[in-house]
Amino acid sequence: MTPLSAVLVGPSLQGNLALEYLGAAVEAAGHRAELVAFESMADAPACARRIIDISGDGPENAGSPTGPARRAAERAGVLINAIAIEAIGVSTTQYYLRNVVTSAGFVLTARRHTDYPRAIREKIKRELARVTG
């Protein structure tokens, strides 16, 4: 397999563990990862595909509603994928499917936080398969 180059973009790189973990997983799979800070999609570097990755263990509880952001991403050609971390009594997967991911996006489910490493590996493989497939 030819190594790919992934640009991982997110706010506040200082202490952004999610981006660091994603970068480490991409590099462990034999690819190159570059971490880039931004405040808006206009700050993102030029690339063939733009993807926003969301992970969480419940519905939105702070900030702006997800609907307008999802519609804006869809109009701009930005894909939104998610990992839903399930807990007893909370259907995060269904919430993300209905309210967060774009029409071409997907949701993977992690059964509790301890299952997150498996889910992130699967998500990266799935995203890379779309590029190399």
Protein backbone atom coordinates (compact mmCIF):
# COMPACT_ATOMS: atom_id res chain seq x y z
CA MET A 1 0.00 0.00 0.00
CA THR A 2 1.27 3.46 -0.88
CA PRO A 3 1.62 5.66 2.22
CA LEU A 4 -0.83 8.55 2.35
CA SER A 5 -0.42 12.00 3.84
CA ALA A 6 -3.17 13.16 6.21
CA VAL A 7 -3.60 16.73 7.41
CA LEU A 8 -5.41 16.67 10.76
CA VAL A 9 -6.94 20.05 11.48
CA GLY A 10 -8.39 21.23 14.77
CA PRO A 11 -8.53 24.11 17.20
CA SER A 12 -5.89 24.67 19.84
CA LEU A 13 -3.19 22.13 19.09
CA GLN A 14 -1.69 22.66 22.54
CA GLY A 15 -3.07 19.77 24.56
CA ASN A 16 -5.49 18.57 21.88
CA LEU A 17 -5.23 14.90 22.76
CA ALA A 18 -7.78 13.82 20.15
CA LEU A 19 -5.60 15.15 17.32
CA GLU A 20 -2.47 13.71 18.88
CA TYR A 21 -4.10 10.27 19.16
CA LEU A 22 -5.39 10.45 15.58
CA GLY A 23 -1.96 11.48 14.33
CA ALA A 24 -0.29 8.64 16.21
CA ALA A 25 -2.79 6.11 14.81
CA VAL A 26 -2.29 7.37 11.23
CA GLU A 27 1.50 7.16 11.62
CA ALA A 28 1.29 3.71 13.25
CA ALA A 29 -0.57 2.56 10.12
CA GLY A 30 2.44 3.66 8.03
CA HIS A 31 1.12 7.01 6.81
CA ARG A 32 2.21 10.61 7.40
CA ALA A 33 0.19 12.92 9.66
CA GLU A 34 0.49 16.68 9.89
CA LEU A 35 -1.34 18.52 12.70
CA VAL A 36 -2.62 22.00 11.82
CA ALA A 37 -4.46 24.51 14.04
CA PHE A 38 -7.36 26.57 12.72
CA GLU A 39 -10.26 28.68 13.87
CA SER A 40 -12.49 28.22 10.80
CA MET A 41 -12.60 26.02 7.69
CA ALA A 42 -11.17 28.95 5.71
CA ASP A 43 -7.93 28.45 7.68
CA ALA A 44 -7.68 24.78 6.68
CA PRO A 45 -5.00 23.90 4.12
CA ALA A 46 -6.00 22.96 0.58
CA CYS A 47 -6.67 19.23 0.31
CA ALA A 48 -8.56 16.68 -1.78
CA ARG A 49 -11.10 15.87 0.96
CA ARG A 50 -12.26 17.81 4.00
CA ILE A 51 -13.56 15.77 6.93
CA ILE A 52 -14.68 16.80 10.39
CA ASP A 53 -14.39 14.01 12.95
CA ILE A 54 -16.57 14.14 16.05
CA SER A 55 -16.34 11.89 19.09
CA GLY A 56 -18.51 12.06 22.16
CA ASP A 57 -20.55 10.26 24.77
CA GLY A 58 -23.83 12.13 24.56
CA PRO A 59 -25.88 14.76 22.74
CA GLU A 60 -24.82 18.39 22.53
CA ASN A 61 -24.83 20.08 25.90
CA ALA A 62 -23.05 23.36 25.23
CA GLY A 63 -22.38 25.66 22.33
CA SER A 64 -24.32 26.12 19.14
CA PRO A 65 -26.96 23.72 17.76
CA THR A 66 -25.57 21.04 15.45
CA GLY A 67 -28.18 21.42 12.68
CA PRO A 68 -26.96 24.70 11.14
CA ALA A 69 -23.32 23.58 11.36
CA ARG A 70 -24.11 20.27 9.69
CA ARG A 71 -26.02 21.99 6.86
CA ALA A 72 -23.17 24.48 6.33
CA ALA A 73 -20.65 21.63 6.18
CA GLU A 74 -22.83 19.75 3.69
CA ARG A 75 -23.10 22.84 1.45
CA ALA A 76 -19.32 23.36 1.61
CA GLY A 77 -18.61 19.74 0.65
CA VAL A 78 -17.21 18.90 4.08
CA LEU A 79 -17.85 15.36 5.33
CA ILE A 80 -18.71 14.83 9.01
CA ASN A 81 -18.01 11.41 10.56
CA ALA A 82 -18.41 10.45 14.20
CA ILE A 83 -17.59 7.97 16.90
CA ALA A 84 -20.42 7.59 19.41
CA ILE A 85 -19.30 6.40 22.82
CA GLU A 86 -22.31 4.61 24.25
CA ALA A 87 -23.28 4.55 27.90
CA ILE A 88 -26.17 2.86 29.64
CA GLY A 89 -29.43 4.65 28.88
CA VAL A 90 -28.00 7.01 26.23
CA SER A 91 -28.32 6.42 22.49
CA THR A 92 -25.47 8.57 21.25
CA THR A 93 -25.21 6.63 17.97
CA GLN A 94 -28.80 7.45 16.98
CA TYR A 95 -28.37 11.10 18.03
CA TYR A 96 -25.25 11.42 15.85
CA LEU A 97 -26.96 9.73 12.89
CA ARG A 98 -29.96 12.08 13.09
CA ASN A 99 -28.25 15.33 14.07
CA VAL A 100 -24.50 15.38 13.47
CA VAL A 101 -23.07 13.43 10.51
CA THR A 102 -23.56 14.59 6.93
CA SER A 103 -25.45 12.47 4.39
CA ALA A 104 -22.26 10.79 3.12
CA GLY A 105 -20.78 10.52 6.61
CA PHE A 106 -20.86 7.60 9.03
CA VAL A 107 -21.07 6.83 12.75
CA LEU A 108 -19.08 4.11 14.47
CA THR A 109 -20.08 2.99 17.95
CA ALA A 110 -17.66 2.46 20.82
CA ARG A 111 -19.12 0.41 23.66
CA ARG A 112 -17.91 2.51 26.57
CA HIS A 113 -14.72 4.58 26.67
CA THR A 114 -12.50 1.48 26.87
CA ASP A 115 -13.64 0.52 23.34
CA TYR A 116 -12.59 3.89 21.88
CA PRO A 117 -9.10 2.77 20.69
CA ARG A 118 -10.68 0.00 18.58
CA ALA A 119 -13.28 2.39 17.18
CA ILE A 120 -10.70 5.04 16.21
CA ARG A 121 -8.58 2.43 14.41
CA GLU A 122 -11.66 1.20 12.52
CA LYS A 123 -12.67 4.77 11.64
CA ILE A 124 -9.24 5.61 10.24
CA LYS A 125 -9.14 2.40 8.20
CA ARG A 126 -12.59 3.15 6.80
CA GLU A 127 -11.67 6.72 5.86
CA LEU A 128 -8.38 5.62 4.28
CA ALA A 129 -10.15 2.82 2.37
CA ARG A 130 -12.33 5.45 0.67
CA VAL A 131 -9.17 7.16 -0.58
CA THR A 132 -7.23 4.10 -1.65
CA GLY A 133 -10.20 1.84 -2.46
